[in-house]
Amino acid sequence: MEMIHVDWLPLRFWLAALGSTSLLILGLLAVGAIDDGAGDNVGITALLRDADAALYQTPARTN
């Protein structure tokens, strides 16, 4: 009876690639680089609100 020979190198490569990709995605999720989709316009709304407030708060000029 012959032993079945399995080449582990391709399997190790794909497992390592899958593991490192998973760690990369989890790291990006942890730091907020990937947004979960909840409240997409929150940052844009706050930025526009701050820009409008800055327009109305110009310093008074005296000559």
Protein backbone atom coordinates (compact mmCIF):
# COMPACT_ATOMS: atom_id res chain seq x y z
CA MET A 1 0.00 0.00 0.00
CA GLU A 2 1.40 3.38 -1.03
CA MET A 3 1.38 6.47 1.17
CA ILE A 4 -0.55 9.42 -0.15
CA HIS A 5 1.83 12.31 -0.66
CA VAL A 6 0.43 15.80 -0.06
CA ASP A 7 2.36 18.90 -1.01
CA TRP A 8 1.95 21.24 1.98
CA LEU A 9 3.72 24.26 0.48
CA PRO A 10 0.76 25.63 -1.52
CA LEU A 11 -1.59 25.00 1.39
CA ARG A 12 0.74 26.79 3.82
CA PHE A 13 1.01 29.70 1.38
CA TRP A 14 -2.75 30.14 1.07
CA LEU A 15 -3.30 29.77 4.81
CA ALA A 16 -0.63 32.39 5.50
CA ALA A 17 -2.13 34.71 2.88
CA LEU A 18 -5.60 34.26 4.35
CA GLY A 19 -4.36 34.88 7.88
CA SER A 20 -2.42 38.02 7.02
CA THR A 21 -5.31 39.40 4.97
CA SER A 22 -7.67 38.77 7.88
CA LEU A 23 -5.32 40.55 10.28
CA LEU A 24 -5.05 43.49 7.88
CA ILE A 25 -8.82 43.83 7.57
CA LEU A 26 -9.32 43.53 11.33
CA GLY A 27 -6.63 46.14 11.93
CA LEU A 28 -8.23 48.56 9.48
CA LEU A 29 -11.61 48.02 11.11
CA ALA A 30 -10.09 48.64 14.54
CA VAL A 31 -8.57 52.00 13.61
CA GLY A 32 -11.65 53.11 11.68
CA ALA A 33 -10.08 53.16 8.23
CA ILE A 34 -12.91 50.94 7.02
CA ASP A 35 -16.31 52.36 7.89
CA ASP A 36 -19.12 50.01 8.82
CA GLY A 37 -21.62 52.14 6.87
CA ALA A 38 -23.55 53.48 9.84
CA GLY A 39 -23.94 57.23 9.71
CA ASP A 40 -22.00 57.92 6.53
CA ASN A 41 -22.99 61.59 6.43
CA VAL A 42 -22.14 62.42 10.04
CA GLY A 43 -18.64 63.70 9.30
CA ILE A 44 -19.73 65.62 6.22
CA THR A 45 -22.63 67.25 8.08
CA ALA A 46 -20.35 68.31 10.95
CA LEU A 47 -17.81 69.74 8.51
CA LEU A 48 -20.43 71.76 6.65
CA ARG A 49 -21.92 73.00 9.92
CA ASP A 50 -18.50 74.16 11.11
CA ALA A 51 -17.82 75.87 7.79
CA ASP A 52 -21.15 77.74 7.98
CA ALA A 53 -20.43 78.81 11.56
CA ALA A 54 -17.01 80.09 10.53
CA LEU A 55 -18.56 82.23 7.78
CA TYR A 56 -20.83 84.00 10.25
CA GLN A 57 -18.12 84.54 12.87
CA THR A 58 -15.79 86.80 10.91
CA PRO A 59 -13.85 89.23 13.07
CA ALA A 60 -14.94 92.86 13.05
CA ARG A 61 -12.48 95.12 11.24
CA THR A 62 -11.74 98.61 12.45
CA ASN A 63 -10.06 101.15 10.22
